[in-house]
N, C-alpha and C. Protein backbone atom coordinates (compact mmCIF):
# COMPACT_ATOMS: atom_id res chain seq x y z
N MET A 1 -12.83 -14.48 29.94
CA MET A 1 -11.90 -13.36 29.87
C MET A 1 -11.71 -12.97 28.41
N GLN A 2 -11.88 -11.71 28.11
CA GLN A 2 -11.75 -11.23 26.73
C GLN A 2 -10.28 -10.95 26.43
N GLU A 3 -9.84 -11.47 25.28
CA GLU A 3 -8.45 -11.26 24.86
C GLU A 3 -8.26 -9.82 24.42
N LYS A 4 -7.19 -9.20 24.87
CA LYS A 4 -6.89 -7.82 24.49
C LYS A 4 -6.20 -7.82 23.13
N LYS A 5 -6.77 -7.05 22.21
CA LYS A 5 -6.18 -6.96 20.87
C LYS A 5 -5.01 -6.00 20.89
N PRO A 6 -3.97 -6.31 20.10
CA PRO A 6 -2.88 -5.33 19.96
C PRO A 6 -3.44 -4.06 19.32
N GLU A 7 -2.81 -2.93 19.60
CA GLU A 7 -3.28 -1.64 19.07
C GLU A 7 -3.49 -1.68 17.57
N SER A 8 -2.60 -2.39 16.84
CA SER A 8 -2.69 -2.42 15.37
C SER A 8 -3.90 -3.19 14.88
N MET A 9 -4.54 -4.00 15.74
CA MET A 9 -5.69 -4.79 15.33
C MET A 9 -7.02 -4.10 15.65
N LYS A 10 -6.99 -2.99 16.38
CA LYS A 10 -8.21 -2.26 16.69
C LYS A 10 -8.72 -1.56 15.44
N GLN A 11 -9.95 -1.08 15.52
CA GLN A 11 -10.50 -0.34 14.39
C GLN A 11 -9.66 0.91 14.16
N PRO A 12 -9.24 1.16 12.92
CA PRO A 12 -8.37 2.31 12.66
C PRO A 12 -9.09 3.64 12.87
N SER A 13 -8.33 4.60 13.36
CA SER A 13 -8.84 5.96 13.48
C SER A 13 -7.65 6.91 13.43
N ALA A 14 -7.93 8.16 13.17
CA ALA A 14 -6.87 9.17 13.11
C ALA A 14 -7.45 10.53 13.44
N ILE A 15 -6.60 11.39 13.94
CA ILE A 15 -6.95 12.79 14.15
C ILE A 15 -5.99 13.60 13.28
N ILE A 16 -6.54 14.46 12.44
CA ILE A 16 -5.73 15.28 11.54
C ILE A 16 -5.78 16.71 12.03
N SER A 17 -4.60 17.32 12.19
CA SER A 17 -4.50 18.68 12.73
C SER A 17 -3.57 19.51 11.86
N SER A 18 -3.90 20.77 11.73
CA SER A 18 -3.05 21.72 11.03
C SER A 18 -1.83 21.99 11.89
N VAL A 19 -0.66 22.07 11.23
CA VAL A 19 0.56 22.42 11.95
C VAL A 19 1.16 23.70 11.37
N GLY A 20 0.34 24.45 10.65
CA GLY A 20 0.76 25.71 10.07
C GLY A 20 0.63 25.72 8.57
N GLY A 21 0.03 26.75 8.07
CA GLY A 21 -0.16 26.86 6.63
C GLY A 21 -0.96 25.69 6.09
N LEU A 22 -0.44 25.06 5.04
CA LEU A 22 -1.11 23.92 4.43
C LEU A 22 -0.50 22.60 4.87
N LYS A 23 0.24 22.60 5.96
CA LYS A 23 0.84 21.36 6.47
C LYS A 23 -0.03 20.78 7.57
N PHE A 24 -0.16 19.45 7.54
CA PHE A 24 -1.01 18.75 8.49
C PHE A 24 -0.28 17.55 9.05
N VAL A 25 -0.72 17.11 10.22
CA VAL A 25 -0.21 15.89 10.81
C VAL A 25 -1.41 15.03 11.18
N ALA A 26 -1.29 13.75 10.87
CA ALA A 26 -2.30 12.77 11.28
C ALA A 26 -1.69 11.97 12.42
N THR A 27 -2.43 11.85 13.49
CA THR A 27 -2.02 11.00 14.60
C THR A 27 -2.94 9.79 14.60
N ILE A 28 -2.35 8.63 14.36
CA ILE A 28 -3.09 7.38 14.24
C ILE A 28 -3.34 6.83 15.64
N ASN A 29 -4.41 6.04 15.80
CA ASN A 29 -4.76 5.55 17.13
C ASN A 29 -3.64 4.75 17.80
N ALA A 30 -2.69 4.23 17.05
CA ALA A 30 -1.56 3.52 17.63
C ALA A 30 -0.49 4.50 18.13
N GLY A 31 -0.67 5.81 17.85
CA GLY A 31 0.27 6.82 18.31
C GLY A 31 1.26 7.28 17.25
N ASN A 32 1.28 6.63 16.10
CA ASN A 32 2.18 7.04 15.02
C ASN A 32 1.68 8.34 14.39
N THR A 33 2.61 9.09 13.81
CA THR A 33 2.23 10.33 13.14
C THR A 33 2.65 10.29 11.68
N ILE A 34 1.85 10.94 10.86
CA ILE A 34 2.12 11.05 9.43
C ILE A 34 1.93 12.52 9.06
N PHE A 35 2.94 13.11 8.46
CA PHE A 35 2.85 14.49 8.01
C PHE A 35 2.51 14.51 6.53
N PHE A 36 1.66 15.45 6.13
CA PHE A 36 1.32 15.59 4.72
C PHE A 36 0.91 17.01 4.42
N GLU A 37 0.88 17.30 3.13
CA GLU A 37 0.47 18.61 2.64
C GLU A 37 -0.07 18.43 1.23
N PRO A 38 -0.67 19.46 0.66
CA PRO A 38 -1.16 19.31 -0.71
C PRO A 38 -0.01 19.25 -1.71
N SER A 39 -0.35 18.86 -2.93
CA SER A 39 0.64 18.82 -4.01
C SER A 39 1.13 20.24 -4.32
N LEU A 40 2.21 20.32 -5.08
CA LEU A 40 2.75 21.63 -5.48
C LEU A 40 1.69 22.47 -6.19
N GLU A 41 0.89 21.82 -7.04
CA GLU A 41 -0.14 22.54 -7.82
C GLU A 41 -1.19 23.19 -6.92
N LEU A 42 -1.36 22.64 -5.72
CA LEU A 42 -2.37 23.17 -4.80
C LEU A 42 -1.75 24.00 -3.68
N GLY A 43 -0.44 24.31 -3.80
CA GLY A 43 0.20 25.19 -2.84
C GLY A 43 1.12 24.53 -1.84
N GLY A 44 1.35 23.24 -1.97
CA GLY A 44 2.27 22.55 -1.08
C GLY A 44 3.72 22.87 -1.42
N SER A 45 4.62 22.50 -0.54
CA SER A 45 6.04 22.79 -0.74
C SER A 45 6.75 21.72 -1.57
N GLY A 46 6.14 20.55 -1.70
CA GLY A 46 6.79 19.45 -2.40
C GLY A 46 7.76 18.68 -1.51
N LYS A 47 7.85 19.04 -0.24
CA LYS A 47 8.78 18.38 0.68
C LYS A 47 8.12 17.26 1.48
N THR A 48 6.80 17.22 1.46
CA THR A 48 6.05 16.23 2.23
C THR A 48 5.04 15.58 1.28
N PRO A 49 4.85 14.28 1.36
CA PRO A 49 3.87 13.63 0.48
C PRO A 49 2.46 14.20 0.68
N ASN A 50 1.68 14.13 -0.41
CA ASN A 50 0.28 14.52 -0.31
C ASN A 50 -0.56 13.27 -0.09
N PRO A 51 -1.82 13.41 0.26
CA PRO A 51 -2.64 12.23 0.57
C PRO A 51 -2.68 11.19 -0.55
N MET A 52 -2.75 11.59 -1.81
CA MET A 52 -2.78 10.61 -2.90
C MET A 52 -1.47 9.84 -2.99
N GLU A 53 -0.34 10.53 -2.76
CA GLU A 53 0.94 9.85 -2.77
C GLU A 53 1.02 8.81 -1.65
N TYR A 54 0.48 9.14 -0.48
CA TYR A 54 0.44 8.16 0.60
C TYR A 54 -0.43 6.96 0.22
N TYR A 55 -1.55 7.22 -0.42
CA TYR A 55 -2.46 6.14 -0.82
C TYR A 55 -1.77 5.21 -1.82
N ILE A 56 -1.11 5.77 -2.81
CA ILE A 56 -0.40 4.96 -3.80
C ILE A 56 0.71 4.15 -3.13
N ALA A 57 1.45 4.80 -2.24
CA ALA A 57 2.50 4.08 -1.50
C ALA A 57 1.90 3.00 -0.60
N ALA A 58 0.73 3.27 -0.03
CA ALA A 58 0.07 2.29 0.83
C ALA A 58 -0.34 1.05 0.05
N ILE A 59 -0.77 1.23 -1.19
CA ILE A 59 -1.12 0.07 -2.02
C ILE A 59 0.11 -0.82 -2.18
N GLY A 60 1.21 -0.23 -2.62
CA GLY A 60 2.44 -1.00 -2.82
C GLY A 60 3.00 -1.56 -1.52
N GLY A 61 2.93 -0.78 -0.46
CA GLY A 61 3.44 -1.24 0.83
C GLY A 61 2.66 -2.42 1.37
N CYS A 62 1.34 -2.37 1.26
CA CYS A 62 0.50 -3.46 1.72
C CYS A 62 0.79 -4.72 0.91
N VAL A 63 0.90 -4.58 -0.40
CA VAL A 63 1.20 -5.75 -1.26
C VAL A 63 2.56 -6.33 -0.91
N ALA A 64 3.56 -5.49 -0.72
CA ALA A 64 4.91 -5.99 -0.38
C ALA A 64 4.90 -6.73 0.95
N ILE A 65 4.28 -6.13 1.96
CA ILE A 65 4.25 -6.73 3.29
C ILE A 65 3.51 -8.06 3.27
N LYS A 66 2.31 -8.07 2.70
CA LYS A 66 1.51 -9.30 2.68
C LYS A 66 2.16 -10.38 1.82
N THR A 67 2.84 -10.01 0.75
CA THR A 67 3.54 -10.99 -0.07
C THR A 67 4.65 -11.64 0.74
N GLN A 68 5.44 -10.84 1.43
CA GLN A 68 6.53 -11.35 2.27
C GLN A 68 5.97 -12.29 3.35
N ILE A 69 4.94 -11.85 4.04
CA ILE A 69 4.35 -12.64 5.13
C ILE A 69 3.75 -13.94 4.60
N ASP A 70 2.97 -13.85 3.51
CA ASP A 70 2.28 -15.03 3.00
C ASP A 70 3.25 -16.05 2.40
N LEU A 71 4.30 -15.58 1.73
CA LEU A 71 5.30 -16.53 1.22
C LEU A 71 6.03 -17.19 2.39
N ALA A 72 6.36 -16.42 3.41
CA ALA A 72 7.05 -16.99 4.58
C ALA A 72 6.17 -18.04 5.26
N ALA A 73 4.86 -17.79 5.30
CA ALA A 73 3.94 -18.75 5.91
C ALA A 73 3.92 -20.07 5.15
N ARG A 74 4.28 -20.02 3.86
CA ARG A 74 4.37 -21.24 3.05
C ARG A 74 5.75 -21.86 3.12
N GLY A 75 6.63 -21.28 3.92
CA GLY A 75 7.97 -21.82 4.07
C GLY A 75 8.98 -21.31 3.07
N THR A 76 8.62 -20.26 2.34
CA THR A 76 9.51 -19.68 1.35
C THR A 76 9.68 -18.20 1.64
N VAL A 77 10.85 -17.82 2.09
CA VAL A 77 11.09 -16.42 2.41
C VAL A 77 11.89 -15.78 1.28
N PRO A 78 11.32 -14.81 0.59
CA PRO A 78 12.09 -14.13 -0.46
C PRO A 78 13.22 -13.31 0.14
N GLU A 79 14.31 -13.20 -0.59
CA GLU A 79 15.42 -12.36 -0.14
C GLU A 79 15.01 -10.89 -0.21
N SER A 80 14.22 -10.56 -1.22
CA SER A 80 13.73 -9.18 -1.33
C SER A 80 12.42 -9.15 -2.10
N VAL A 81 11.64 -8.14 -1.79
CA VAL A 81 10.39 -7.87 -2.49
C VAL A 81 10.38 -6.37 -2.80
N THR A 82 10.20 -6.04 -4.06
CA THR A 82 10.10 -4.64 -4.49
C THR A 82 8.82 -4.51 -5.31
N VAL A 83 8.05 -3.47 -5.03
CA VAL A 83 6.80 -3.26 -5.76
C VAL A 83 6.83 -1.87 -6.38
N ARG A 84 6.60 -1.81 -7.68
CA ARG A 84 6.47 -0.54 -8.39
C ARG A 84 5.00 -0.35 -8.71
N VAL A 85 4.43 0.78 -8.32
CA VAL A 85 3.02 1.06 -8.53
C VAL A 85 2.89 2.16 -9.58
N GLU A 86 2.17 1.86 -10.65
CA GLU A 86 1.91 2.82 -11.72
C GLU A 86 0.41 3.08 -11.76
N CYS A 87 0.02 4.35 -11.75
CA CYS A 87 -1.40 4.69 -11.66
C CYS A 87 -1.83 5.64 -12.76
N THR A 88 -3.11 5.56 -13.07
CA THR A 88 -3.76 6.52 -13.97
C THR A 88 -4.93 7.12 -13.21
N ARG A 89 -5.05 8.44 -13.30
CA ARG A 89 -6.16 9.14 -12.65
C ARG A 89 -7.13 9.66 -13.70
N SER A 90 -8.38 9.81 -13.31
CA SER A 90 -9.37 10.36 -14.24
C SER A 90 -9.03 11.82 -14.50
N GLY A 91 -9.44 12.33 -15.63
CA GLY A 91 -9.14 13.71 -16.01
C GLY A 91 -10.11 14.72 -15.42
N THR A 92 -11.17 14.24 -14.80
CA THR A 92 -12.16 15.14 -14.22
C THR A 92 -12.25 14.91 -12.72
N LEU A 93 -12.75 15.93 -12.03
CA LEU A 93 -12.90 15.82 -10.58
C LEU A 93 -13.86 14.70 -10.23
N PRO A 94 -13.55 13.91 -9.26
CA PRO A 94 -12.54 14.08 -8.22
C PRO A 94 -11.18 13.46 -8.56
N GLN A 95 -10.90 13.18 -9.80
CA GLN A 95 -9.63 12.65 -10.26
C GLN A 95 -9.19 11.40 -9.50
N ILE A 96 -10.12 10.46 -9.38
CA ILE A 96 -9.82 9.20 -8.70
C ILE A 96 -8.89 8.35 -9.55
N LEU A 97 -8.29 7.36 -8.94
CA LEU A 97 -7.49 6.40 -9.69
C LEU A 97 -8.44 5.56 -10.54
N THR A 98 -8.11 5.42 -11.81
CA THR A 98 -8.92 4.57 -12.69
C THR A 98 -8.20 3.29 -13.05
N ALA A 99 -6.88 3.30 -12.94
CA ALA A 99 -6.08 2.11 -13.22
C ALA A 99 -4.87 2.10 -12.30
N VAL A 100 -4.58 0.92 -11.76
CA VAL A 100 -3.42 0.71 -10.91
C VAL A 100 -2.74 -0.56 -11.41
N HIS A 101 -1.46 -0.45 -11.75
CA HIS A 101 -0.71 -1.62 -12.20
C HIS A 101 0.50 -1.77 -11.29
N LEU A 102 0.66 -2.96 -10.74
CA LEU A 102 1.78 -3.24 -9.85
C LEU A 102 2.75 -4.18 -10.54
N LYS A 103 4.02 -3.82 -10.49
CA LYS A 103 5.10 -4.68 -10.95
C LYS A 103 5.84 -5.14 -9.71
N ILE A 104 5.78 -6.44 -9.47
CA ILE A 104 6.33 -7.01 -8.24
C ILE A 104 7.59 -7.79 -8.59
N PHE A 105 8.70 -7.41 -7.98
CA PHE A 105 9.99 -8.03 -8.24
C PHE A 105 10.40 -8.79 -6.98
N LEU A 106 10.64 -10.09 -7.14
CA LEU A 106 11.03 -10.94 -6.02
C LEU A 106 12.38 -11.55 -6.30
N THR A 107 13.19 -11.68 -5.26
CA THR A 107 14.49 -12.32 -5.39
C THR A 107 14.55 -13.48 -4.42
N GLY A 108 15.09 -14.60 -4.88
CA GLY A 108 15.28 -15.76 -4.02
C GLY A 108 14.92 -17.04 -4.74
N LYS A 109 15.07 -18.12 -4.04
CA LYS A 109 14.72 -19.44 -4.59
C LYS A 109 13.24 -19.65 -4.32
N LEU A 110 12.43 -19.25 -5.29
CA LEU A 110 10.99 -19.24 -5.11
C LEU A 110 10.30 -20.11 -6.15
N ASP A 111 9.26 -20.77 -5.72
CA ASP A 111 8.45 -21.61 -6.59
C ASP A 111 7.47 -20.74 -7.37
N GLU A 112 7.53 -20.82 -8.69
CA GLU A 112 6.69 -19.99 -9.56
C GLU A 112 5.21 -20.16 -9.26
N ALA A 113 4.74 -21.38 -9.14
CA ALA A 113 3.32 -21.63 -8.87
C ALA A 113 2.92 -21.10 -7.50
N GLY A 114 3.80 -21.26 -6.52
CA GLY A 114 3.52 -20.76 -5.18
C GLY A 114 3.43 -19.24 -5.15
N VAL A 115 4.34 -18.58 -5.84
CA VAL A 115 4.32 -17.12 -5.92
C VAL A 115 3.04 -16.65 -6.59
N ALA A 116 2.67 -17.29 -7.69
CA ALA A 116 1.45 -16.90 -8.41
C ALA A 116 0.22 -17.04 -7.51
N ALA A 117 0.14 -18.13 -6.77
CA ALA A 117 -1.01 -18.36 -5.87
C ALA A 117 -1.04 -17.33 -4.75
N VAL A 118 0.12 -17.07 -4.14
CA VAL A 118 0.19 -16.09 -3.06
C VAL A 118 -0.20 -14.72 -3.58
N LEU A 119 0.33 -14.30 -4.72
CA LEU A 119 0.02 -12.98 -5.25
C LEU A 119 -1.45 -12.84 -5.60
N ASN A 120 -2.06 -13.88 -6.11
CA ASN A 120 -3.49 -13.82 -6.40
C ASN A 120 -4.28 -13.58 -5.10
N ASP A 121 -3.92 -14.31 -4.04
CA ASP A 121 -4.59 -14.13 -2.76
C ASP A 121 -4.31 -12.74 -2.17
N VAL A 122 -3.07 -12.29 -2.25
CA VAL A 122 -2.72 -10.97 -1.73
C VAL A 122 -3.53 -9.89 -2.44
N MET A 123 -3.59 -9.95 -3.76
CA MET A 123 -4.23 -8.90 -4.53
C MET A 123 -5.75 -8.91 -4.45
N THR A 124 -6.34 -10.06 -4.16
CA THR A 124 -7.80 -10.15 -4.18
C THR A 124 -8.42 -10.38 -2.80
N LEU A 125 -7.60 -10.67 -1.79
CA LEU A 125 -8.16 -11.03 -0.50
C LEU A 125 -7.36 -10.52 0.70
N HIS A 126 -6.06 -10.67 0.69
CA HIS A 126 -5.26 -10.43 1.89
C HIS A 126 -4.76 -9.00 2.07
N CYS A 127 -4.69 -8.22 1.00
CA CYS A 127 -4.24 -6.82 1.12
C CYS A 127 -5.45 -5.90 1.00
N PRO A 128 -5.96 -5.42 2.13
CA PRO A 128 -7.18 -4.61 2.07
C PRO A 128 -7.00 -3.32 1.25
N VAL A 129 -5.81 -2.78 1.21
CA VAL A 129 -5.60 -1.53 0.46
C VAL A 129 -5.74 -1.79 -1.05
N ALA A 130 -5.17 -2.89 -1.54
CA ALA A 130 -5.31 -3.24 -2.96
C ALA A 130 -6.76 -3.58 -3.30
N VAL A 131 -7.44 -4.28 -2.39
CA VAL A 131 -8.84 -4.63 -2.62
C VAL A 131 -9.70 -3.36 -2.66
N MET A 132 -9.42 -2.40 -1.76
CA MET A 132 -10.16 -1.13 -1.80
C MET A 132 -9.90 -0.39 -3.11
N ALA A 133 -8.66 -0.39 -3.57
CA ALA A 133 -8.35 0.27 -4.84
C ALA A 133 -9.12 -0.37 -5.97
N ALA A 134 -9.25 -1.68 -5.93
CA ALA A 134 -9.97 -2.40 -6.99
C ALA A 134 -11.46 -2.09 -7.00
N ALA A 135 -11.98 -1.53 -5.93
CA ALA A 135 -13.39 -1.16 -5.89
C ALA A 135 -13.68 0.03 -6.80
N SER A 136 -12.66 0.84 -7.12
CA SER A 136 -12.88 2.01 -7.97
C SER A 136 -11.97 2.07 -9.19
N ALA A 137 -10.97 1.21 -9.25
CA ALA A 137 -10.01 1.24 -10.35
C ALA A 137 -9.76 -0.17 -10.86
N LYS A 138 -9.30 -0.24 -12.09
CA LYS A 138 -8.87 -1.54 -12.62
C LYS A 138 -7.47 -1.80 -12.06
N VAL A 139 -7.34 -2.86 -11.26
CA VAL A 139 -6.06 -3.19 -10.64
C VAL A 139 -5.49 -4.44 -11.32
N THR A 140 -4.29 -4.31 -11.83
CA THR A 140 -3.60 -5.43 -12.47
C THR A 140 -2.21 -5.56 -11.86
N TRP A 141 -1.62 -6.72 -12.06
CA TRP A 141 -0.28 -6.93 -11.54
C TRP A 141 0.47 -7.94 -12.38
N GLU A 142 1.77 -7.85 -12.27
CA GLU A 142 2.68 -8.81 -12.88
C GLU A 142 3.84 -9.01 -11.92
N TYR A 143 4.58 -10.09 -12.09
CA TYR A 143 5.70 -10.32 -11.20
C TYR A 143 6.86 -10.92 -11.95
N THR A 144 8.03 -10.71 -11.39
CA THR A 144 9.27 -11.25 -11.91
C THR A 144 10.02 -11.86 -10.75
N ILE A 145 10.51 -13.08 -10.94
CA ILE A 145 11.32 -13.74 -9.92
C ILE A 145 12.75 -13.81 -10.43
N GLU A 146 13.67 -13.29 -9.64
CA GLU A 146 15.09 -13.42 -9.96
C GLU A 146 15.68 -14.40 -8.96
N ASN A 147 16.09 -15.55 -9.46
CA ASN A 147 16.69 -16.54 -8.58
C ASN A 147 18.08 -16.12 -8.17
N SER A 148 18.40 -16.37 -6.91
CA SER A 148 19.72 -15.97 -6.42
C SER A 148 20.62 -17.18 -6.31
């Protein structure tokens, strides 16, 4: 008997449709929707994120989620995880990210060596979005632990 995978574990796919003007909606295979539009410079309203903003947020979101999960798996649950993502884009088309720096702020009674090991694994192995970013950009990170 073949085990049924949860929807989130299936191969990702999306359908992107225009919803008027330069606004679009992506419907992900799990049924979730994401609205986006171009940046202000390209005619967007500035009220909805553009694809690059989603990508940058996805890098930080993936790192935050995997850090929380991986630390918890080691028996250490941080009280909070905050990730600040700073990026540099090339000056010529296609203006890809050339540098991504993450500042990771953790709160709680956390072991410094354990956090360092988890973050190394998250950034180089467990967070596919950060690993994909590293394929085209220099990705660096630092972290700060605030004990509570």
